[in-house]
N, C-alpha and C. Protein backbone atom coordinates (compact mmCIF):
# COMPACT_ATOMS: atom_id res chain seq x y z
N MET A 1 -10.09 30.05 -4.34
CA MET A 1 -10.54 29.18 -5.40
C MET A 1 -9.57 28.03 -5.62
N PHE A 2 -8.27 28.31 -5.56
CA PHE A 2 -7.28 27.25 -5.78
C PHE A 2 -7.30 26.22 -4.66
N GLU A 3 -7.68 26.63 -3.45
CA GLU A 3 -7.78 25.67 -2.35
C GLU A 3 -8.85 24.64 -2.63
N THR A 4 -9.96 25.06 -3.20
CA THR A 4 -11.02 24.12 -3.56
C THR A 4 -10.52 23.11 -4.57
N TRP A 5 -9.78 23.58 -5.57
CA TRP A 5 -9.21 22.67 -6.57
C TRP A 5 -8.24 21.69 -5.92
N TYR A 6 -7.46 22.19 -4.99
CA TYR A 6 -6.52 21.32 -4.29
C TYR A 6 -7.26 20.19 -3.57
N TYR A 7 -8.27 20.54 -2.77
CA TYR A 7 -8.98 19.53 -2.00
C TYR A 7 -9.71 18.53 -2.90
N VAL A 8 -10.31 18.99 -3.96
CA VAL A 8 -11.02 18.10 -4.89
C VAL A 8 -10.03 17.17 -5.58
N LEU A 9 -8.96 17.74 -6.12
CA LEU A 9 -7.98 16.93 -6.84
C LEU A 9 -7.25 15.95 -5.92
N TYR A 10 -6.90 16.41 -4.73
CA TYR A 10 -6.22 15.52 -3.79
C TYR A 10 -7.12 14.36 -3.39
N SER A 11 -8.37 14.64 -3.13
CA SER A 11 -9.33 13.59 -2.77
C SER A 11 -9.48 12.58 -3.90
N LEU A 12 -9.65 13.07 -5.11
CA LEU A 12 -9.85 12.18 -6.26
C LEU A 12 -8.60 11.36 -6.56
N LEU A 13 -7.44 12.00 -6.54
CA LEU A 13 -6.19 11.28 -6.80
C LEU A 13 -5.94 10.18 -5.75
N CYS A 14 -6.12 10.53 -4.50
CA CYS A 14 -5.88 9.54 -3.43
C CYS A 14 -6.89 8.41 -3.50
N ALA A 15 -8.15 8.72 -3.74
CA ALA A 15 -9.16 7.66 -3.84
C ALA A 15 -8.85 6.72 -5.00
N ALA A 16 -8.49 7.29 -6.14
CA ALA A 16 -8.16 6.46 -7.31
C ALA A 16 -6.94 5.59 -7.03
N LEU A 17 -5.92 6.17 -6.40
CA LEU A 17 -4.71 5.40 -6.08
C LEU A 17 -5.00 4.29 -5.08
N VAL A 18 -5.73 4.61 -4.03
CA VAL A 18 -5.99 3.62 -2.99
C VAL A 18 -6.80 2.45 -3.55
N PHE A 19 -7.89 2.74 -4.22
CA PHE A 19 -8.74 1.65 -4.70
C PHE A 19 -8.11 0.91 -5.87
N GLY A 20 -7.41 1.61 -6.74
CA GLY A 20 -6.73 0.94 -7.84
C GLY A 20 -5.59 0.06 -7.37
N LEU A 21 -4.75 0.60 -6.49
CA LEU A 21 -3.64 -0.19 -5.96
C LEU A 21 -4.13 -1.34 -5.09
N ALA A 22 -5.20 -1.13 -4.35
CA ALA A 22 -5.73 -2.21 -3.51
C ALA A 22 -6.16 -3.39 -4.37
N ARG A 23 -6.81 -3.12 -5.48
CA ARG A 23 -7.24 -4.22 -6.36
C ARG A 23 -6.04 -4.96 -6.94
N VAL A 24 -5.07 -4.20 -7.44
CA VAL A 24 -3.90 -4.83 -8.06
C VAL A 24 -3.09 -5.62 -7.02
N LEU A 25 -2.85 -5.02 -5.87
CA LEU A 25 -2.06 -5.69 -4.84
C LEU A 25 -2.77 -6.93 -4.31
N HIS A 26 -4.08 -6.85 -4.14
CA HIS A 26 -4.83 -8.01 -3.66
C HIS A 26 -4.80 -9.13 -4.70
N TRP A 27 -5.00 -8.77 -5.96
CA TRP A 27 -5.02 -9.77 -7.02
C TRP A 27 -3.66 -10.46 -7.15
N ALA A 28 -2.60 -9.67 -7.21
CA ALA A 28 -1.26 -10.24 -7.36
C ALA A 28 -0.81 -10.93 -6.08
N GLY A 29 -1.14 -10.37 -4.95
CA GLY A 29 -0.75 -10.96 -3.68
C GLY A 29 -1.46 -12.27 -3.39
N ASP A 30 -2.64 -12.45 -3.94
CA ASP A 30 -3.40 -13.68 -3.72
C ASP A 30 -2.62 -14.90 -4.22
N VAL A 31 -2.00 -14.78 -5.36
CA VAL A 31 -1.21 -15.88 -5.92
C VAL A 31 -0.01 -16.16 -5.00
N PHE A 32 0.66 -15.12 -4.58
CA PHE A 32 1.83 -15.26 -3.71
C PHE A 32 1.43 -15.90 -2.38
N LEU A 33 0.33 -15.44 -1.78
CA LEU A 33 -0.11 -15.99 -0.50
C LEU A 33 -0.58 -17.43 -0.65
N HIS A 34 -1.22 -17.73 -1.78
CA HIS A 34 -1.66 -19.11 -2.00
C HIS A 34 -0.45 -20.04 -2.03
N ASP A 35 0.63 -19.62 -2.66
CA ASP A 35 1.84 -20.44 -2.69
C ASP A 35 2.50 -20.51 -1.31
N SER A 36 2.51 -19.40 -0.60
CA SER A 36 3.16 -19.36 0.71
C SER A 36 2.43 -20.21 1.74
N PHE A 37 1.10 -20.28 1.62
CA PHE A 37 0.28 -21.00 2.59
C PHE A 37 -0.47 -22.14 1.90
N ARG A 38 0.22 -22.88 1.04
CA ARG A 38 -0.48 -23.90 0.24
C ARG A 38 -1.08 -24.99 1.10
N ASN A 39 -0.51 -25.26 2.25
CA ASN A 39 -1.07 -26.28 3.14
C ASN A 39 -2.19 -25.73 4.03
N ARG A 40 -2.30 -24.43 4.10
CA ARG A 40 -3.31 -23.78 4.95
C ARG A 40 -3.99 -22.65 4.19
N PRO A 41 -4.88 -22.95 3.23
CA PRO A 41 -5.53 -21.89 2.45
C PRO A 41 -6.35 -20.94 3.31
N ASP A 42 -6.91 -21.43 4.42
CA ASP A 42 -7.66 -20.55 5.31
C ASP A 42 -6.74 -19.50 5.94
N LEU A 43 -5.53 -19.90 6.28
CA LEU A 43 -4.56 -18.96 6.83
C LEU A 43 -4.13 -17.94 5.77
N GLY A 44 -3.97 -18.39 4.54
CA GLY A 44 -3.63 -17.48 3.45
C GLY A 44 -4.70 -16.42 3.23
N ARG A 45 -5.97 -16.83 3.28
CA ARG A 45 -7.07 -15.86 3.13
C ARG A 45 -7.10 -14.88 4.30
N ALA A 46 -6.84 -15.37 5.50
CA ALA A 46 -6.82 -14.49 6.68
C ALA A 46 -5.69 -13.47 6.58
N VAL A 47 -4.51 -13.92 6.15
CA VAL A 47 -3.38 -13.00 5.99
C VAL A 47 -3.70 -11.97 4.91
N ALA A 48 -4.35 -12.40 3.83
CA ALA A 48 -4.72 -11.47 2.76
C ALA A 48 -5.67 -10.40 3.29
N ARG A 49 -6.64 -10.79 4.10
CA ARG A 49 -7.57 -9.80 4.68
C ARG A 49 -6.83 -8.84 5.60
N LEU A 50 -5.93 -9.38 6.40
CA LEU A 50 -5.17 -8.51 7.31
C LEU A 50 -4.28 -7.54 6.54
N LEU A 51 -3.66 -8.00 5.48
CA LEU A 51 -2.85 -7.10 4.66
C LEU A 51 -3.71 -6.03 3.99
N ASP A 52 -4.90 -6.41 3.54
CA ASP A 52 -5.82 -5.43 2.95
C ASP A 52 -6.21 -4.38 3.98
N ILE A 53 -6.56 -4.82 5.18
CA ILE A 53 -6.95 -3.88 6.23
C ILE A 53 -5.78 -2.95 6.57
N GLY A 54 -4.59 -3.51 6.69
CA GLY A 54 -3.41 -2.68 6.96
C GLY A 54 -3.18 -1.66 5.87
N PHE A 55 -3.34 -2.07 4.62
CA PHE A 55 -3.18 -1.16 3.49
C PHE A 55 -4.17 0.00 3.58
N TYR A 56 -5.43 -0.32 3.84
CA TYR A 56 -6.45 0.73 3.93
C TYR A 56 -6.21 1.64 5.13
N LEU A 57 -5.78 1.08 6.26
CA LEU A 57 -5.53 1.91 7.44
C LEU A 57 -4.35 2.86 7.23
N VAL A 58 -3.28 2.35 6.68
CA VAL A 58 -2.12 3.21 6.41
C VAL A 58 -2.49 4.29 5.40
N SER A 59 -3.20 3.90 4.36
CA SER A 59 -3.61 4.86 3.33
C SER A 59 -4.51 5.95 3.91
N ALA A 60 -5.53 5.52 4.64
CA ALA A 60 -6.46 6.49 5.22
C ALA A 60 -5.76 7.40 6.23
N GLY A 61 -4.86 6.83 7.02
CA GLY A 61 -4.12 7.63 7.99
C GLY A 61 -3.23 8.66 7.32
N TYR A 62 -2.52 8.26 6.29
CA TYR A 62 -1.65 9.21 5.60
C TYR A 62 -2.48 10.32 4.96
N ILE A 63 -3.56 9.94 4.31
CA ILE A 63 -4.40 10.94 3.64
C ILE A 63 -4.99 11.90 4.66
N ALA A 64 -5.44 11.37 5.79
CA ALA A 64 -6.01 12.23 6.83
C ALA A 64 -4.97 13.20 7.38
N LEU A 65 -3.74 12.72 7.57
CA LEU A 65 -2.69 13.58 8.11
C LEU A 65 -2.24 14.65 7.13
N THR A 66 -2.29 14.36 5.85
CA THR A 66 -1.77 15.29 4.86
C THR A 66 -2.86 16.02 4.09
N PHE A 67 -4.10 15.81 4.45
CA PHE A 67 -5.20 16.40 3.68
C PHE A 67 -5.18 17.93 3.71
N SER A 68 -5.03 18.49 4.88
CA SER A 68 -5.06 19.95 4.97
C SER A 68 -3.75 20.53 4.47
N SER A 69 -3.85 21.76 4.05
CA SER A 69 -2.66 22.45 3.58
C SER A 69 -2.61 23.82 4.22
N GLU A 70 -1.46 24.15 4.74
CA GLU A 70 -1.33 25.42 5.43
C GLU A 70 -0.77 26.51 4.53
N THR A 71 -0.39 26.12 3.33
CA THR A 71 0.12 27.13 2.40
C THR A 71 -1.03 27.68 1.58
N GLY A 72 -0.93 28.93 1.29
CA GLY A 72 -1.94 29.54 0.43
C GLY A 72 -1.62 29.25 -1.03
N PHE A 73 -2.62 28.90 -1.78
CA PHE A 73 -2.44 28.60 -3.19
C PHE A 73 -2.78 29.85 -4.00
N ARG A 74 -1.78 30.40 -4.64
CA ARG A 74 -2.01 31.59 -5.45
C ARG A 74 -2.13 31.28 -6.93
N THR A 75 -1.56 30.13 -7.32
CA THR A 75 -1.60 29.75 -8.73
C THR A 75 -1.90 28.25 -8.84
N ALA A 76 -2.22 27.85 -10.06
CA ALA A 76 -2.43 26.43 -10.31
C ALA A 76 -1.12 25.66 -10.12
N GLY A 77 0.00 26.31 -10.36
CA GLY A 77 1.30 25.68 -10.13
C GLY A 77 1.52 25.33 -8.67
N ASP A 78 1.04 26.20 -7.77
CA ASP A 78 1.15 25.91 -6.34
C ASP A 78 0.35 24.65 -5.99
N VAL A 79 -0.82 24.52 -6.58
CA VAL A 79 -1.66 23.34 -6.35
C VAL A 79 -0.95 22.10 -6.88
N ALA A 80 -0.44 22.19 -8.09
CA ALA A 80 0.26 21.06 -8.70
C ALA A 80 1.48 20.66 -7.88
N ASN A 81 2.21 21.62 -7.38
CA ASN A 81 3.38 21.34 -6.56
C ASN A 81 3.00 20.62 -5.27
N ALA A 82 1.98 21.10 -4.59
CA ALA A 82 1.53 20.46 -3.34
C ALA A 82 1.02 19.04 -3.62
N LEU A 83 0.26 18.87 -4.68
CA LEU A 83 -0.25 17.54 -5.02
C LEU A 83 0.87 16.58 -5.35
N THR A 84 1.84 17.05 -6.11
CA THR A 84 2.96 16.20 -6.50
C THR A 84 3.73 15.73 -5.27
N LEU A 85 4.01 16.63 -4.36
CA LEU A 85 4.76 16.27 -3.16
C LEU A 85 3.99 15.29 -2.29
N LYS A 86 2.72 15.58 -2.04
CA LYS A 86 1.94 14.72 -1.15
C LYS A 86 1.65 13.36 -1.76
N VAL A 87 1.30 13.32 -3.02
CA VAL A 87 1.03 12.04 -3.68
C VAL A 87 2.33 11.27 -3.85
N GLY A 88 3.42 11.94 -4.14
CA GLY A 88 4.71 11.27 -4.26
C GLY A 88 5.15 10.62 -2.96
N PHE A 89 5.02 11.32 -1.84
CA PHE A 89 5.35 10.73 -0.54
C PHE A 89 4.42 9.57 -0.22
N PHE A 90 3.16 9.70 -0.59
CA PHE A 90 2.18 8.62 -0.39
C PHE A 90 2.62 7.37 -1.14
N LEU A 91 3.01 7.52 -2.39
CA LEU A 91 3.45 6.38 -3.19
C LEU A 91 4.74 5.77 -2.63
N LEU A 92 5.66 6.62 -2.18
CA LEU A 92 6.88 6.10 -1.57
C LEU A 92 6.58 5.30 -0.30
N LEU A 93 5.69 5.83 0.53
CA LEU A 93 5.30 5.13 1.76
C LEU A 93 4.71 3.77 1.42
N LEU A 94 3.78 3.73 0.48
CA LEU A 94 3.16 2.47 0.10
C LEU A 94 4.18 1.52 -0.52
N GLY A 95 5.09 2.04 -1.31
CA GLY A 95 6.13 1.20 -1.90
C GLY A 95 7.04 0.57 -0.85
N PHE A 96 7.46 1.35 0.13
CA PHE A 96 8.30 0.81 1.19
C PHE A 96 7.55 -0.23 2.02
N LEU A 97 6.30 0.05 2.34
CA LEU A 97 5.52 -0.91 3.12
C LEU A 97 5.26 -2.19 2.33
N HIS A 98 5.02 -2.06 1.04
CA HIS A 98 4.82 -3.23 0.20
C HIS A 98 6.10 -4.08 0.15
N GLY A 99 7.23 -3.43 -0.02
CA GLY A 99 8.50 -4.15 -0.01
C GLY A 99 8.76 -4.84 1.31
N PHE A 100 8.44 -4.18 2.40
CA PHE A 100 8.60 -4.77 3.73
C PHE A 100 7.71 -6.00 3.88
N ASN A 101 6.45 -5.90 3.43
CA ASN A 101 5.54 -7.05 3.49
C ASN A 101 6.07 -8.22 2.67
N LEU A 102 6.58 -7.93 1.49
CA LEU A 102 7.14 -9.00 0.65
C LEU A 102 8.36 -9.63 1.30
N LEU A 103 9.18 -8.83 1.94
CA LEU A 103 10.35 -9.35 2.63
C LEU A 103 9.93 -10.31 3.75
N ILE A 104 8.95 -9.92 4.52
CA ILE A 104 8.48 -10.77 5.62
C ILE A 104 7.89 -12.07 5.08
N LEU A 105 7.09 -11.97 4.01
CA LEU A 105 6.53 -13.18 3.43
C LEU A 105 7.61 -14.07 2.82
N ALA A 106 8.63 -13.48 2.24
CA ALA A 106 9.74 -14.26 1.68
C ALA A 106 10.49 -14.98 2.79
N VAL A 107 10.70 -14.32 3.90
CA VAL A 107 11.36 -14.97 5.05
C VAL A 107 10.50 -16.13 5.53
N PHE A 108 9.20 -15.91 5.60
CA PHE A 108 8.30 -16.98 6.04
C PHE A 108 8.36 -18.16 5.07
N ARG A 109 8.35 -17.88 3.77
CA ARG A 109 8.44 -18.95 2.78
C ARG A 109 9.78 -19.67 2.89
N GLY A 110 10.84 -18.92 3.12
CA GLY A 110 12.16 -19.54 3.26
C GLY A 110 12.21 -20.48 4.45
N ARG A 111 11.58 -20.09 5.53
CA ARG A 111 11.55 -20.94 6.72
C ARG A 111 10.73 -22.19 6.45
N ARG A 112 9.63 -22.01 5.71
CA ARG A 112 8.79 -23.16 5.37
C ARG A 112 9.55 -24.11 4.47
N ASP A 113 10.22 -23.57 3.46
CA ASP A 113 10.94 -24.41 2.51
C ASP A 113 12.18 -25.03 3.14
N ALA A 114 12.79 -24.37 4.10
CA ALA A 114 13.98 -24.92 4.76
C ALA A 114 13.64 -26.21 5.50
N GLY A 115 12.43 -26.32 5.98
CA GLY A 115 12.02 -27.54 6.67
C GLY A 115 11.90 -28.72 5.71
N LYS A 116 11.81 -28.47 4.41
CA LYS A 116 11.67 -29.54 3.43
C LYS A 116 13.01 -30.00 2.86
N LEU A 117 14.06 -29.27 3.16
CA LEU A 117 15.38 -29.63 2.62
C LEU A 117 15.94 -30.84 3.37
N PRO A 118 16.62 -31.72 2.65
CA PRO A 118 17.23 -32.87 3.34
C PRO A 118 18.37 -32.43 4.25
N ALA A 119 18.57 -33.19 5.29
CA ALA A 119 19.63 -32.87 6.25
C ALA A 119 20.99 -33.08 5.58
N VAL A 120 21.93 -32.21 5.88
CA VAL A 120 23.29 -32.30 5.34
C VAL A 120 24.13 -33.06 6.34
N SER A 121 24.86 -34.11 5.85
CA SER A 121 25.68 -34.89 6.79
C SER A 121 27.13 -34.56 6.69
């Protein structure tokens, strides 16, 4: 019985996190990408779509890999423990990937802005 609760809760938690975070990241990232690609809005939209696809692929892959559980659940505490560990690692993974994406975009913006700086004599 506890295994059923685990699968239902894990599915619901992951779905809520993926779709909720996707909306927030897309909304907030749109402003950042618009500024980064202000001369090429079409390129900014393409990068946004690619980042969205990457987010969904990483999320779906992690959920698929961690969906099953080989431990037997004897109590609700066992279910809560497994959910906490798996969802926590999922959030850490997404946080690191988000930070990496921001770092790459910041480097790109820095390179773009460096071309606008006057030459030093």
